[in-house]
Every structure is written in C-alpha cells, then in structure tokens.
C-alpha cells in the first residue's frame, strides 16, 4: 500500500540521512522477529538528522537467503 503523496514527501527528506545511518551505524539495531514467519527479521535503526530531527529506519531481513530490504524511514519522537 502506497502512502499519501504528502506523507511520502515528508519521509523522503530522511532518505539521505537513512542511507548514511545504515552505512556508518556502530550501534546494533533493535531486532524484532515476526511471529507468523520466523525466517523474517525486522531491524530498526534510530538516528538524528543534522537539523536535530529524530527518525527510524526499518530493514527487513530474510534469514534463509540473507537478503536485506529497505522497508521505510519515518520521523519519531525521542525515547
């Protein structure tokens, strides 16, 4: 399901920061295992843009094949 164009533009501003976070992160992500399919893991990386906006990046990993897919990036409130 595609997001509304306004929401997509809002998330697109985090794309460059998300790629930088995935390439250079030294902190282990939060990992969640799917209950309906144990071969799928969801990794969540948390970061901050240069402007001080907090965001989250989700990556899906298939344990059988080792394939990792970029799922989404979105802003979030700090913990």
PDB file of N, CA and C in Angstrom:
ATOM      1  N   UNK A   1       0.840  -1.167   0.000  1.00  0.00           N
ATOM      2  CA  UNK A   1       0.000   0.000   0.000  1.00  0.00           C
ATOM      3  C   UNK A   1       0.897   1.246   0.000  1.00  0.00           C
ATOM      4  N   UNK A   2       0.652   2.126  -0.922  1.00  0.00           N
ATOM      5  CA  UNK A   2       1.437   3.347  -1.026  1.00  0.00           C
ATOM      6  C   UNK A   2       0.925   4.396  -0.051  1.00  0.00           C
ATOM      7  N   UNK A   3       1.836   5.173   0.449  1.00  0.00           N
ATOM      8  CA  UNK A   3       1.485   6.280   1.339  1.00  0.00           C
ATOM      9  C   UNK A   3       0.943   7.450   0.515  1.00  0.00           C
ATOM     10  N   UNK A   4       0.237   8.323   1.172  1.00  0.00           N
ATOM     11  CA  UNK A   4      -0.271   9.542   0.550  1.00  0.00           C
ATOM     12  C   UNK A   4       0.924  10.376   0.084  1.00  0.00           C
ATOM     13  N   UNK A   5       0.812  11.071  -1.060  1.00  0.00           N
ATOM     14  CA  UNK A   5       1.960  11.851  -1.572  1.00  0.00           C
ATOM     15  C   UNK A   5       2.561  12.823  -0.555  1.00  0.00           C
ATOM     16  N   UNK A   6       1.744  13.450   0.256  1.00  0.00           N
ATOM     17  CA  UNK A   6       2.269  14.375   1.264  1.00  0.00           C
ATOM     18  C   UNK A   6       3.143  13.628   2.273  1.00  0.00           C
ATOM     19  N   UNK A   7       2.697  12.446   2.696  1.00  0.00           N
ATOM     20  CA  UNK A   7       3.469  11.626   3.643  1.00  0.00           C
ATOM     21  C   UNK A   7       4.758  11.129   2.990  1.00  0.00           C
ATOM     22  N   UNK A   8       4.708  10.779   1.720  1.00  0.00           N
ATOM     23  CA  UNK A   8       5.895  10.310   1.010  1.00  0.00           C
ATOM     24  C   UNK A   8       6.950  11.408   0.909  1.00  0.00           C
ATOM     25  N   UNK A   9       6.522  12.648   0.617  1.00  0.00           N
ATOM     26  CA  UNK A   9       7.468  13.775   0.567  1.00  0.00           C
ATOM     27  C   UNK A   9       8.088  14.021   1.937  1.00  0.00           C
ATOM     28  N   UNK A  10       7.277  13.897   2.965  1.00  0.00           N
ATOM     29  CA  UNK A  10       7.761  14.105   4.335  1.00  0.00           C
ATOM     30  C   UNK A  10       8.840  13.081   4.688  1.00  0.00           C
ATOM     31  N   UNK A  11       8.619  11.830   4.290  1.00  0.00           N
ATOM     32  CA  UNK A  11       9.587  10.772   4.584  1.00  0.00           C
ATOM     33  C   UNK A  11      10.821  10.849   3.702  1.00  0.00           C
ATOM     34  N   UNK A  12      10.667  11.375   2.497  1.00  0.00           N
ATOM     35  CA  UNK A  12      11.783  11.443   1.559  1.00  0.00           C
ATOM     36  C   UNK A  12      12.912  12.329   2.073  1.00  0.00           C
ATOM     37  N   UNK A  13      12.594  13.317   2.900  1.00  0.00           N
ATOM     38  CA  UNK A  13      13.646  14.192   3.431  1.00  0.00           C
ATOM     39  C   UNK A  13      14.594  13.434   4.366  1.00  0.00           C
ATOM     40  N   UNK A  14      14.186  12.267   4.862  1.00  0.00           N
ATOM     41  CA  UNK A  14      15.037  11.452   5.730  1.00  0.00           C
ATOM     42  C   UNK A  14      15.871  10.437   4.951  1.00  0.00           C
ATOM     43  N   UNK A  15      15.640  10.304   3.645  1.00  0.00           N
ATOM     44  CA  UNK A  15      16.255   9.232   2.873  1.00  0.00           C
ATOM     45  C   UNK A  15      17.782   9.279   2.903  1.00  0.00           C
ATOM     46  N   UNK A  16      18.365  10.433   2.645  1.00  0.00           N
ATOM     47  CA  UNK A  16      19.831  10.551   2.638  1.00  0.00           C
ATOM     48  C   UNK A  16      20.406  10.256   4.026  1.00  0.00           C
ATOM     49  N   UNK A  17      19.758  10.771   5.066  1.00  0.00           N
ATOM     50  CA  UNK A  17      20.217  10.503   6.434  1.00  0.00           C
ATOM     51  C   UNK A  17      20.078   9.021   6.763  1.00  0.00           C
ATOM     52  N   UNK A  18      19.028   8.375   6.243  1.00  0.00           N
ATOM     53  CA  UNK A  18      18.811   6.950   6.496  1.00  0.00           C
ATOM     54  C   UNK A  18      19.921   6.110   5.875  1.00  0.00           C
ATOM     55  N   UNK A  19      20.292   6.424   4.642  1.00  0.00           N
ATOM     56  CA  UNK A  19      21.376   5.679   3.991  1.00  0.00           C
ATOM     57  C   UNK A  19      22.692   5.865   4.731  1.00  0.00           C
ATOM     58  N   UNK A  20      22.958   7.077   5.170  1.00  0.00           N
ATOM     59  CA  UNK A  20      24.172   7.357   5.934  1.00  0.00           C
ATOM     60  C   UNK A  20      24.167   6.576   7.248  1.00  0.00           C
ATOM     61  N   UNK A  21      23.025   6.526   7.909  1.00  0.00           N
ATOM     62  CA  UNK A  21      22.907   5.782   9.167  1.00  0.00           C
ATOM     63  C   UNK A  21      23.158   4.295   8.946  1.00  0.00           C
ATOM     64  N   UNK A  22      22.581   3.728   7.888  1.00  0.00           N
ATOM     65  CA  UNK A  22      22.763   2.300   7.618  1.00  0.00           C
ATOM     66  C   UNK A  22      24.215   1.971   7.280  1.00  0.00           C
ATOM     67  N   UNK A  23      24.876   2.843   6.572  1.00  0.00           N
ATOM     68  CA  UNK A  23      26.270   2.588   6.186  1.00  0.00           C
ATOM     69  C   UNK A  23      27.248   2.733   7.342  1.00  0.00           C
ATOM     70  N   UNK A  24      27.001   3.671   8.259  1.00  0.00           N
ATOM     71  CA  UNK A  24      28.000   4.016   9.265  1.00  0.00           C
ATOM     72  C   UNK A  24      27.586   3.759  10.706  1.00  0.00           C
ATOM     73  N   UNK A  25      26.463   3.106  10.932  1.00  0.00           N
ATOM     74  CA  UNK A  25      25.996   2.885  12.300  1.00  0.00           C
ATOM     75  C   UNK A  25      26.900   1.890  13.023  1.00  0.00           C
ATOM     76  N   UNK A  26      27.320   2.262  14.223  1.00  0.00           N
ATOM     77  CA  UNK A  26      28.126   1.364  15.047  1.00  0.00           C
ATOM     78  C   UNK A  26      27.304   0.794  16.198  1.00  0.00           C
ATOM     79  N   UNK A  27      26.048   1.189  16.274  1.00  0.00           N
ATOM     80  CA  UNK A  27      25.146   0.715  17.321  1.00  0.00           C
ATOM     81  C   UNK A  27      24.257  -0.368  16.729  1.00  0.00           C
ATOM     82  N   UNK A  28      24.126  -1.474  17.440  1.00  0.00           N
ATOM     83  CA  UNK A  28      23.287  -2.575  16.971  1.00  0.00           C
ATOM     84  C   UNK A  28      21.823  -2.135  16.929  1.00  0.00           C
ATOM     85  N   UNK A  29      21.088  -2.545  15.893  1.00  0.00           N
ATOM     86  CA  UNK A  29      19.683  -2.146  15.791  1.00  0.00           C
ATOM     87  C   UNK A  29      18.799  -2.958  16.737  1.00  0.00           C
ATOM     88  N   UNK A  30      17.586  -2.456  16.972  1.00  0.00           N
ATOM     89  CA  UNK A  30      16.572  -3.262  17.649  1.00  0.00           C
ATOM     90  C   UNK A  30      16.090  -4.274  16.627  1.00  0.00           C
ATOM     91  N   UNK A  31      16.040  -5.549  17.005  1.00  0.00           N
ATOM     92  CA  UNK A  31      15.625  -6.601  16.086  1.00  0.00           C
ATOM     93  C   UNK A  31      14.348  -7.244  16.592  1.00  0.00           C
ATOM     94  N   UNK A  32      13.386  -7.371  15.687  1.00  0.00           N
ATOM     95  CA  UNK A  32      12.090  -7.953  16.010  1.00  0.00           C
ATOM     96  C   UNK A  32      11.881  -9.149  15.095  1.00  0.00           C
ATOM     97  N   UNK A  33      11.453 -10.271  15.660  1.00  0.00           N
ATOM     98  CA  UNK A  33      11.150 -11.455  14.866  1.00  0.00           C
ATOM     99  C   UNK A  33       9.658 -11.504  14.596  1.00  0.00           C
ATOM    100  N   UNK A  34       9.281 -11.807  13.368  1.00  0.00           N
ATOM    101  CA  UNK A  34       7.869 -11.913  13.016  1.00  0.00           C
ATOM    102  C   UNK A  34       7.307 -13.182  13.639  1.00  0.00           C
ATOM    103  N   UNK A  35       6.131 -13.105  14.218  1.00  0.00           N
ATOM    104  CA  UNK A  35       5.524 -14.274  14.855  1.00  0.00           C
ATOM    105  C   UNK A  35       4.932 -15.227  13.828  1.00  0.00           C
ATOM    106  N   UNK A  36       4.472 -14.712  12.694  1.00  0.00           N
ATOM    107  CA  UNK A  36       3.871 -15.578  11.681  1.00  0.00           C
ATOM    108  C   UNK A  36       4.908 -16.217  10.755  1.00  0.00           C
ATOM    109  N   UNK A  37       6.106 -15.650  10.665  1.00  0.00           N
ATOM    110  CA  UNK A  37       7.165 -16.203   9.825  1.00  0.00           C
ATOM    111  C   UNK A  37       8.498 -15.977  10.532  1.00  0.00           C
ATOM    112  N   UNK A  38       9.044 -17.010  11.136  1.00  0.00           N
ATOM    113  CA  UNK A  38      10.268 -16.879  11.925  1.00  0.00           C
ATOM    114  C   UNK A  38      11.517 -16.670  11.069  1.00  0.00           C
ATOM    115  N   UNK A  39      11.386 -16.792   9.744  1.00  0.00           N
ATOM    116  CA  UNK A  39      12.524 -16.546   8.863  1.00  0.00           C
ATOM    117  C   UNK A  39      12.693 -15.067   8.524  1.00  0.00           C
ATOM    118  N   UNK A  40      11.771 -14.239   8.975  1.00  0.00           N
ATOM    119  CA  UNK A  40      11.823 -12.804   8.691  1.00  0.00           C
ATOM    120  C   UNK A  40      12.169 -12.045   9.967  1.00  0.00           C
ATOM    121  N   UNK A  41      13.185 -11.184   9.872  1.00  0.00           N
ATOM    122  CA  UNK A  41      13.560 -10.316  10.987  1.00  0.00           C
ATOM    123  C   UNK A  41      13.379  -8.868  10.541  1.00  0.00           C
ATOM    124  N   UNK A  42      12.974  -8.028  11.467  1.00  0.00           N
ATOM    125  CA  UNK A  42      12.824  -6.603  11.198  1.00  0.00           C
ATOM    126  C   UNK A  42      13.820  -5.859  12.077  1.00  0.00           C
ATOM    127  N   UNK A  43      14.738  -5.136  11.440  1.00  0.00           N
ATOM    128  CA  UNK A  43      15.751  -4.365  12.162  1.00  0.00           C
ATOM    129  C   UNK A  43      15.334  -2.902  12.158  1.00  0.00           C
ATOM    130  N   UNK A  44      15.423  -2.245  13.314  1.00  0.00           N
ATOM    131  CA  UNK A  44      15.105  -0.822  13.417  1.00  0.00           C
ATOM    132  C   UNK A  44      16.331  -0.064  13.896  1.00  0.00           C
ATOM    133  N   UNK A  45      16.765   0.878  13.083  1.00  0.00           N
ATOM    134  CA  UNK A  45      17.881   1.755  13.403  1.00  0.00           C
ATOM    135  C   UNK A  45      17.308   3.123  13.746  1.00  0.00           C
ATOM    136  N   UNK A  46      17.852   3.765  14.768  1.00  0.00           N
ATOM    137  CA  UNK A  46      17.375   5.078  15.193  1.00  0.00           C
ATOM    138  C   UNK A  46      18.490   6.092  15.001  1.00  0.00           C
ATOM    139  N   UNK A  47      18.122   7.264  14.500  1.00  0.00           N
ATOM    140  CA  UNK A  47      19.120   8.290  14.253  1.00  0.00           C
ATOM    141  C   UNK A  47      18.557   9.686  14.406  1.00  0.00           C
ATOM    142  N   UNK A  48      19.443  10.666  14.213  1.00  0.00           N
ATOM    143  CA  UNK A  48      19.087  12.081  14.299  1.00  0.00           C
ATOM    144  C   UNK A  48      19.679  12.784  13.082  1.00  0.00           C
ATOM    145  N   UNK A  49      18.887  13.621  12.416  1.00  0.00           N
ATOM    146  CA  UNK A  49      19.396  14.384  11.276  1.00  0.00           C
ATOM    147  C   UNK A  49      20.274  15.534  11.770  1.00  0.00           C
ATOM    148  N   UNK A  50      20.940  16.188  10.851  1.00  0.00           N
ATOM    149  CA  UNK A  50      21.761  17.350  11.210  1.00  0.00           C
ATOM    150  C   UNK A  50      20.913  18.473  11.784  1.00  0.00           C
ATOM    151  N   UNK A  51      19.627  18.488  11.427  1.00  0.00           N
ATOM    152  CA  UNK A  51      18.696  19.502  11.936  1.00  0.00           C
ATOM    153  C   UNK A  51      18.161  19.157  13.318  1.00  0.00           C
ATOM    154  N   UNK A  52      18.522  17.978  13.852  1.00  0.00           N
ATOM    155  CA  UNK A  52      18.064  17.571  15.177  1.00  0.00           C
ATOM    156  C   UNK A  52      16.739  16.839  15.191  1.00  0.00           C
ATOM    157  N   UNK A  53      16.282  16.347  14.023  1.00  0.00           N
ATOM    158  CA  UNK A  53      15.022  15.612  13.940  1.00  0.00           C
ATOM    159  C   UNK A  53      15.310  14.119  14.097  1.00  0.00           C
ATOM    160  N   UNK A  54      14.605  13.462  15.008  1.00  0.00           N
ATOM    161  CA  UNK A  54      14.776  12.033  15.244  1.00  0.00           C
ATOM    162  C   UNK A  54      14.019  11.239  14.180  1.00  0.00           C
ATOM    163  N   UNK A  55      14.619  10.117  13.749  1.00  0.00           N
ATOM    164  CA  UNK A  55      13.955   9.281  12.756  1.00  0.00           C
ATOM    165  C   UNK A  55      14.301   7.813  12.982  1.00  0.00           C
ATOM    166  N   UNK A  56      13.549   6.942  12.313  1.00  0.00           N
ATOM    167  CA  UNK A  56      13.727   5.498  12.429  1.00  0.00           C
ATOM    168  C   UNK A  56      13.796   4.908  11.022  1.00  0.00           C
ATOM    169  N   UNK A  57      14.690   3.925  10.830  1.00  0.00           N
ATOM    170  CA  UNK A  57      14.831   3.216   9.563  1.00  0.00           C
ATOM    171  C   UNK A  57      14.514   1.754   9.819  1.00  0.00           C
ATOM    172  N   UNK A  58      13.674   1.156   8.967  1.00  0.00           N
ATOM    173  CA  UNK A  58      13.337  -0.259   9.103  1.00  0.00           C
ATOM    174  C   UNK A  58      13.915  -1.041   7.929  1.00  0.00           C
ATOM    175  N   UNK A  59      14.559  -2.157   8.249  1.00  0.00           N
ATOM    176  CA  UNK A  59      15.132  -3.045   7.247  1.00  0.00           C
ATOM    177  C   UNK A  59      14.627  -4.451   7.536  1.00  0.00           C
ATOM    178  N   UNK A  60      14.118  -5.116   6.497  1.00  0.00           N
ATOM    179  CA  UNK A  60      13.632  -6.489   6.637  1.00  0.00           C
ATOM    180  C   UNK A  60      14.720  -7.437   6.153  1.00  0.00           C
ATOM    181  N   UNK A  61      14.979  -8.495   6.930  1.00  0.00           N
ATOM    182  CA  UNK A  61      15.992  -9.485   6.547  1.00  0.00           C
ATOM    183  C   UNK A  61      15.358 -10.867   6.490  1.00  0.00           C
ATOM    184  N   UNK A  62      15.627 -11.575   5.395  1.00  0.00           N
ATOM    185  CA  UNK A  62      15.185 -12.958   5.248  1.00  0.00           C
ATOM    186  C   UNK A  62      16.346 -13.839   5.700  1.00  0.00           C
ATOM    187  N   UNK A  63      16.157 -14.600   6.773  1.00  0.00           N
ATOM    188  CA  UNK A  63      17.252 -15.409   7.328  1.00  0.00           C
ATOM    189  C   UNK A  63      17.655 -16.537   6.390  1.00  0.00           C
ATOM    190  N   UNK A  64      16.722 -17.062   5.602  1.00  0.00           N
ATOM    191  CA  UNK A  64      17.061 -18.166   4.703  1.00  0.00           C
ATOM    192  C   UNK A  64      18.014 -17.725   3.598  1.00  0.00           C
ATOM    193  N   UNK A  65      17.725 -16.592   2.990  1.00  0.00           N
ATOM    194  CA  UNK A  65      18.533 -16.139   1.854  1.00  0.00           C
ATOM    195  C   UNK A  65      19.579 -15.100   2.240  1.00  0.00           C
ATOM    196  N   UNK A  66      19.412 -14.457   3.402  1.00  0.00           N
ATOM    197  CA  UNK A  66      20.321 -13.403   3.818  1.00  0.00           C
ATOM    198  C   UNK A  66      20.028 -12.061   3.159  1.00  0.00           C
ATOM    199  N   UNK A  67      18.954 -12.004   2.391  1.00  0.00           N
ATOM    200  CA  UNK A  67      18.581 -10.765   1.689  1.00  0.00           C
ATOM    201  C   UNK A  67      18.054  -9.726   2.669  1.00  0.00           C
ATOM    202  N   UNK A  68      18.506  -8.484   2.500  1.00  0.00           N
ATOM    203  CA  UNK A  68      18.051  -7.374   3.339  1.00  0.00           C
ATOM    204  C   UNK A  68      17.378  -6.340   2.445  1.00  0.00           C
ATOM    205  N   UNK A  69      16.170  -5.931   2.818  1.00  0.00           N
ATOM    206  CA  UNK A  69      15.395  -4.970   2.038  1.00  0.00           C
ATOM    207  C   UNK A  69      15.091  -3.742   2.875  1.00  0.00           C
ATOM    208  N   UNK A  70      15.331  -2.575   2.292  1.00  0.00           N
ATOM    209  CA  UNK A  70      14.973  -1.307   2.923  1.00  0.00           C
ATOM    210  C   UNK A  70      13.452  -1.219   2.918  1.00  0.00           C
ATOM    211  N   UNK A  71      12.858  -1.074   4.108  1.00  0.00           N
ATOM    212  CA  UNK A  71      11.396  -1.033   4.198  1.00  0.00           C
ATOM    213  C   UNK A  71      10.872   0.394   4.255  1.00  0.00           C
ATOM    214  N   UNK A  72      11.316   1.163   5.241  1.00  0.00           N
ATOM    215  CA  UNK A  72      10.784   2.517   5.385  1.00  0.00           C
ATOM    216  C   UNK A  72      11.677   3.359   6.279  1.00  0.00           C
ATOM    217  N   UNK A  73      11.417   4.646   6.227  1.00  0.00           N
ATOM    218  CA  UNK A  73      12.061   5.611   7.115  1.00  0.00           C
ATOM    219  C   UNK A  73      10.985   6.614   7.506  1.00  0.00           C
ATOM    220  N   UNK A  74      10.965   6.995   8.765  1.00  0.00           N
ATOM    221  CA  UNK A  74       9.939   7.915   9.243  1.00  0.00           C
ATOM    222  C   UNK A  74      10.441   8.646  10.469  1.00  0.00           C
ATOM    223  N   UNK A  75       9.822   9.807  10.739  1.00  0.00           N
ATOM    224  CA  UNK A  75      10.215  10.566  11.926  1.00  0.00           C
ATOM    225  C   UNK A  75       9.598   9.918  13.159  1.00  0.00           C
ATOM    226  N   UNK A  76      10.225  10.148  14.284  1.00  0.00           N
ATOM    227  CA  UNK A  76       9.732   9.560  15.533  1.00  0.00           C
ATOM    228  C   UNK A  76      10.075  10.489  16.684  1.00  0.00           C
ATOM    229  N   UNK A  77       9.376  10.295  17.766  1.00  0.00           N
ATOM    230  CA  UNK A  77       9.649  11.062  18.980  1.00  0.00           C
ATOM    231  C   UNK A  77      10.834  10.431  19.699  1.00  0.00           C
ATOM    232  N   UNK A  78      11.704  11.227  20.319  1.00  0.00           N
ATOM    233  CA  UNK A  78      12.837  10.645  21.061  1.00  0.00           C
ATOM    234  C   UNK A  78      12.342   9.859  22.262  1.00  0.00           C
ATOM    235  N   UNK A  79      13.103   8.813  22.598  1.00  0.00           N
ATOM    236  CA  UNK A  79      12.732   7.978  23.753  1.00  0.00           C
ATOM    237  C   UNK A  79      13.162   8.626  25.030  1.00  0.00           C
TER     238      UNK A  79
END
